[in-house]
Amino acid sequence: MELTKKTTILFSAELHRRLSRLAASRGVSLGELVREACESRYGVVGTASRREAASALAGLALPIGEPDAMKRESVPAPDELLP
């Protein structure tokens, strides 16, 4: 990934200390830690990542039933909810 834009973020001394320690423990820079958090929280992902995720999901062999049967199995009947 080519980094071409710069942003200045101000942290409290305590937050900066905690984030710096976390970055060091993970072996990454503070900037990389913040970028990863932004991508994770705000979903800033590219088309390639989305395609990879879709392919991984498509490759799963999961037991899937018919929609009506799945609904009956997952949503309790009204008389099961009331005493």
N, C-alpha and C. Protein backbone atom coordinates (compact mmCIF):
# COMPACT_ATOMS: atom_id res chain seq x y z
N MET A 1 0.84 -1.17 0.00
CA MET A 1 0.00 0.00 0.00
C MET A 1 0.89 1.24 0.00
N GLU A 2 0.63 2.11 -0.94
CA GLU A 2 1.40 3.35 -1.02
C GLU A 2 0.75 4.40 -0.13
N LEU A 3 1.55 4.97 0.76
CA LEU A 3 1.05 6.00 1.67
C LEU A 3 1.36 7.36 1.08
N THR A 4 0.30 8.13 0.77
CA THR A 4 0.51 9.41 0.09
C THR A 4 -0.11 10.60 0.80
N LYS A 5 -0.91 10.38 1.82
CA LYS A 5 -1.57 11.47 2.54
C LYS A 5 -1.14 11.46 3.99
N LYS A 6 -1.00 12.65 4.56
CA LYS A 6 -0.57 12.76 5.95
C LYS A 6 -1.66 13.46 6.75
N THR A 7 -1.89 12.95 7.96
CA THR A 7 -2.86 13.53 8.88
C THR A 7 -2.22 13.63 10.26
N THR A 8 -2.48 14.73 10.92
CA THR A 8 -1.98 14.90 12.28
C THR A 8 -3.12 14.64 13.25
N ILE A 9 -2.87 13.76 14.23
CA ILE A 9 -3.87 13.41 15.24
C ILE A 9 -3.27 13.70 16.60
N LEU A 10 -4.01 14.40 17.43
CA LEU A 10 -3.55 14.69 18.78
C LEU A 10 -4.18 13.70 19.76
N PHE A 11 -3.33 13.07 20.59
CA PHE A 11 -3.78 12.13 21.62
C PHE A 11 -3.43 12.70 22.99
N SER A 12 -4.16 12.27 24.00
CA SER A 12 -3.75 12.58 25.36
C SER A 12 -2.45 11.83 25.63
N ALA A 13 -1.70 12.28 26.63
CA ALA A 13 -0.43 11.61 26.95
C ALA A 13 -0.66 10.14 27.30
N GLU A 14 -1.71 9.87 28.06
CA GLU A 14 -2.00 8.49 28.48
C GLU A 14 -2.36 7.61 27.28
N LEU A 15 -3.23 8.09 26.41
CA LEU A 15 -3.60 7.30 25.23
C LEU A 15 -2.40 7.07 24.33
N HIS A 16 -1.58 8.08 24.13
CA HIS A 16 -0.39 7.94 23.30
C HIS A 16 0.54 6.89 23.89
N ARG A 17 0.73 6.91 25.20
CA ARG A 17 1.59 5.92 25.87
C ARG A 17 1.04 4.51 25.66
N ARG A 18 -0.27 4.34 25.87
CA ARG A 18 -0.88 3.01 25.72
C ARG A 18 -0.79 2.51 24.28
N LEU A 19 -1.09 3.38 23.32
CA LEU A 19 -1.03 2.97 21.92
C LEU A 19 0.40 2.68 21.48
N SER A 20 1.34 3.47 21.95
CA SER A 20 2.75 3.22 21.61
C SER A 20 3.22 1.88 22.14
N ARG A 21 2.83 1.57 23.37
CA ARG A 21 3.19 0.26 23.94
C ARG A 21 2.55 -0.88 23.16
N LEU A 22 1.28 -0.71 22.81
CA LEU A 22 0.59 -1.74 22.04
C LEU A 22 1.26 -1.94 20.68
N ALA A 23 1.59 -0.86 20.02
CA ALA A 23 2.26 -0.95 18.72
C ALA A 23 3.60 -1.67 18.86
N ALA A 24 4.36 -1.30 19.89
CA ALA A 24 5.67 -1.95 20.10
C ALA A 24 5.50 -3.43 20.38
N SER A 25 4.49 -3.79 21.17
CA SER A 25 4.29 -5.21 21.49
C SER A 25 3.89 -6.02 20.26
N ARG A 26 3.26 -5.36 19.29
CA ARG A 26 2.87 -6.03 18.04
C ARG A 26 3.95 -5.93 16.97
N GLY A 27 4.97 -5.14 17.24
CA GLY A 27 6.05 -4.99 16.27
C GLY A 27 5.68 -4.13 15.07
N VAL A 28 4.79 -3.16 15.28
CA VAL A 28 4.40 -2.26 14.21
C VAL A 28 4.57 -0.82 14.69
N SER A 29 4.51 0.11 13.77
CA SER A 29 4.59 1.52 14.15
C SER A 29 3.25 1.98 14.68
N LEU A 30 3.26 3.11 15.36
CA LEU A 30 2.02 3.70 15.85
C LEU A 30 1.11 4.04 14.68
N GLY A 31 1.69 4.55 13.60
CA GLY A 31 0.91 4.86 12.41
C GLY A 31 0.21 3.64 11.84
N GLU A 32 0.93 2.52 11.77
CA GLU A 32 0.33 1.28 11.26
C GLU A 32 -0.79 0.81 12.17
N LEU A 33 -0.59 0.92 13.47
CA LEU A 33 -1.62 0.53 14.43
C LEU A 33 -2.90 1.35 14.20
N VAL A 34 -2.74 2.66 14.02
CA VAL A 34 -3.89 3.54 13.80
C VAL A 34 -4.55 3.23 12.46
N ARG A 35 -3.76 3.00 11.41
CA ARG A 35 -4.34 2.64 10.10
C ARG A 35 -5.14 1.36 10.19
N GLU A 36 -4.61 0.34 10.87
CA GLU A 36 -5.33 -0.93 11.03
C GLU A 36 -6.64 -0.72 11.78
N ALA A 37 -6.60 0.11 12.83
CA ALA A 37 -7.82 0.38 13.60
C ALA A 37 -8.86 1.08 12.73
N CYS A 38 -8.44 2.04 11.92
CA CYS A 38 -9.36 2.75 11.03
C CYS A 38 -9.97 1.81 10.01
N GLU A 39 -9.16 0.96 9.43
CA GLU A 39 -9.67 0.01 8.44
C GLU A 39 -10.66 -0.95 9.08
N SER A 40 -10.32 -1.43 10.27
CA SER A 40 -11.20 -2.36 10.97
C SER A 40 -12.51 -1.70 11.37
N ARG A 41 -12.45 -0.51 11.90
CA ARG A 41 -13.64 0.17 12.42
C ARG A 41 -14.52 0.73 11.33
N TYR A 42 -13.92 1.31 10.31
CA TYR A 42 -14.70 2.02 9.30
C TYR A 42 -14.79 1.30 7.96
N GLY A 43 -14.25 0.09 7.89
CA GLY A 43 -14.42 -0.72 6.70
C GLY A 43 -13.77 -0.16 5.45
N VAL A 44 -12.66 0.49 5.61
CA VAL A 44 -11.96 1.05 4.46
C VAL A 44 -11.15 -0.08 3.83
N VAL A 45 -11.80 -0.84 2.96
CA VAL A 45 -11.12 -1.95 2.31
C VAL A 45 -11.29 -1.82 0.80
N GLY A 46 -10.36 -2.37 0.10
CA GLY A 46 -10.39 -2.29 -1.35
C GLY A 46 -11.18 -3.41 -1.99
N THR A 47 -11.34 -3.31 -3.28
CA THR A 47 -12.07 -4.31 -4.04
C THR A 47 -11.43 -5.68 -3.93
N ALA A 48 -10.11 -5.74 -3.94
CA ALA A 48 -9.41 -7.03 -3.86
C ALA A 48 -9.73 -7.73 -2.54
N SER A 49 -9.76 -6.98 -1.45
CA SER A 49 -10.09 -7.57 -0.14
C SER A 49 -11.51 -8.08 -0.11
N ARG A 50 -12.42 -7.34 -0.71
CA ARG A 50 -13.82 -7.78 -0.76
C ARG A 50 -13.97 -9.05 -1.57
N ARG A 51 -13.29 -9.11 -2.70
CA ARG A 51 -13.37 -10.32 -3.54
C ARG A 51 -12.79 -11.53 -2.82
N GLU A 52 -11.68 -11.31 -2.12
CA GLU A 52 -11.06 -12.39 -1.36
C GLU A 52 -12.01 -12.90 -0.27
N ALA A 53 -12.66 -12.00 0.42
CA ALA A 53 -13.61 -12.38 1.47
C ALA A 53 -14.79 -13.13 0.88
N ALA A 54 -15.31 -12.66 -0.24
CA ALA A 54 -16.44 -13.32 -0.89
C ALA A 54 -16.05 -14.72 -1.36
N SER A 55 -14.86 -14.88 -1.89
CA SER A 55 -14.39 -16.20 -2.32
C SER A 55 -14.25 -17.14 -1.14
N ALA A 56 -13.73 -16.63 -0.02
CA ALA A 56 -13.59 -17.46 1.17
C ALA A 56 -14.95 -17.91 1.68
N LEU A 57 -15.92 -17.03 1.67
CA LEU A 57 -17.27 -17.40 2.11
C LEU A 57 -17.91 -18.40 1.16
N ALA A 58 -17.72 -18.19 -0.13
CA ALA A 58 -18.30 -19.10 -1.12
C ALA A 58 -17.71 -20.50 -1.01
N GLY A 59 -16.47 -20.59 -0.54
CA GLY A 59 -15.81 -21.88 -0.43
C GLY A 59 -16.16 -22.67 0.82
N LEU A 60 -16.92 -22.06 1.73
CA LEU A 60 -17.29 -22.77 2.96
C LEU A 60 -18.36 -23.81 2.68
N ALA A 61 -18.25 -24.94 3.32
CA ALA A 61 -19.26 -25.99 3.21
C ALA A 61 -20.07 -25.98 4.50
N LEU A 62 -21.14 -25.22 4.48
CA LEU A 62 -21.97 -25.08 5.67
C LEU A 62 -23.32 -25.76 5.47
N PRO A 63 -23.85 -26.35 6.54
CA PRO A 63 -25.19 -26.96 6.42
C PRO A 63 -26.25 -25.86 6.38
N ILE A 64 -26.86 -25.69 5.25
CA ILE A 64 -27.86 -24.64 5.08
C ILE A 64 -29.17 -25.28 4.62
N GLY A 65 -30.23 -24.97 5.35
CA GLY A 65 -31.54 -25.50 5.01
C GLY A 65 -32.34 -24.52 4.19
N GLU A 66 -33.58 -24.88 3.97
CA GLU A 66 -34.50 -23.99 3.27
C GLU A 66 -34.85 -22.82 4.19
N PRO A 67 -35.08 -21.63 3.64
CA PRO A 67 -35.37 -20.46 4.47
C PRO A 67 -36.52 -20.66 5.46
N ASP A 68 -37.62 -21.27 5.03
CA ASP A 68 -38.75 -21.48 5.95
C ASP A 68 -38.38 -22.41 7.10
N ALA A 69 -37.64 -23.46 6.81
CA ALA A 69 -37.22 -24.39 7.85
C ALA A 69 -36.26 -23.72 8.83
N MET A 70 -35.35 -22.90 8.31
CA MET A 70 -34.40 -22.20 9.16
C MET A 70 -35.14 -21.22 10.07
N LYS A 71 -36.16 -20.56 9.55
CA LYS A 71 -36.92 -19.61 10.35
C LYS A 71 -37.66 -20.34 11.47
N ARG A 72 -38.26 -21.47 11.16
CA ARG A 72 -38.96 -22.24 12.20
C ARG A 72 -38.01 -22.70 13.29
N GLU A 73 -36.79 -23.04 12.91
CA GLU A 73 -35.80 -23.52 13.87
C GLU A 73 -35.24 -22.39 14.73
N SER A 74 -35.20 -21.18 14.21
CA SER A 74 -34.52 -20.11 14.94
C SER A 74 -35.45 -19.13 15.65
N VAL A 75 -36.70 -19.05 15.23
CA VAL A 75 -37.62 -18.11 15.85
C VAL A 75 -38.67 -18.91 16.62
N PRO A 76 -38.73 -18.70 17.95
CA PRO A 76 -39.71 -19.47 18.74
C PRO A 76 -41.14 -19.08 18.41
N ALA A 77 -42.03 -20.01 18.58
CA ALA A 77 -43.45 -19.75 18.38
C ALA A 77 -43.95 -18.87 19.52
N PRO A 78 -44.99 -18.07 19.28
CA PRO A 78 -45.50 -17.16 20.33
C PRO A 78 -45.81 -17.88 21.65
N ASP A 79 -46.40 -19.08 21.59
CA ASP A 79 -46.75 -19.76 22.82
C ASP A 79 -45.51 -20.23 23.60
N GLU A 80 -44.37 -20.30 22.94
CA GLU A 80 -43.12 -20.65 23.64
C GLU A 80 -42.57 -19.45 24.40
N LEU A 81 -42.95 -18.24 24.01
CA LEU A 81 -42.45 -17.03 24.64
C LEU A 81 -43.29 -16.62 25.86
N LEU A 82 -44.56 -16.99 25.84
CA LEU A 82 -45.47 -16.57 26.92
C LEU A 82 -45.58 -17.67 27.97
N PRO A 83 -45.74 -17.28 29.25
CA PRO A 83 -45.88 -18.31 30.31
C PRO A 83 -47.21 -19.03 30.22
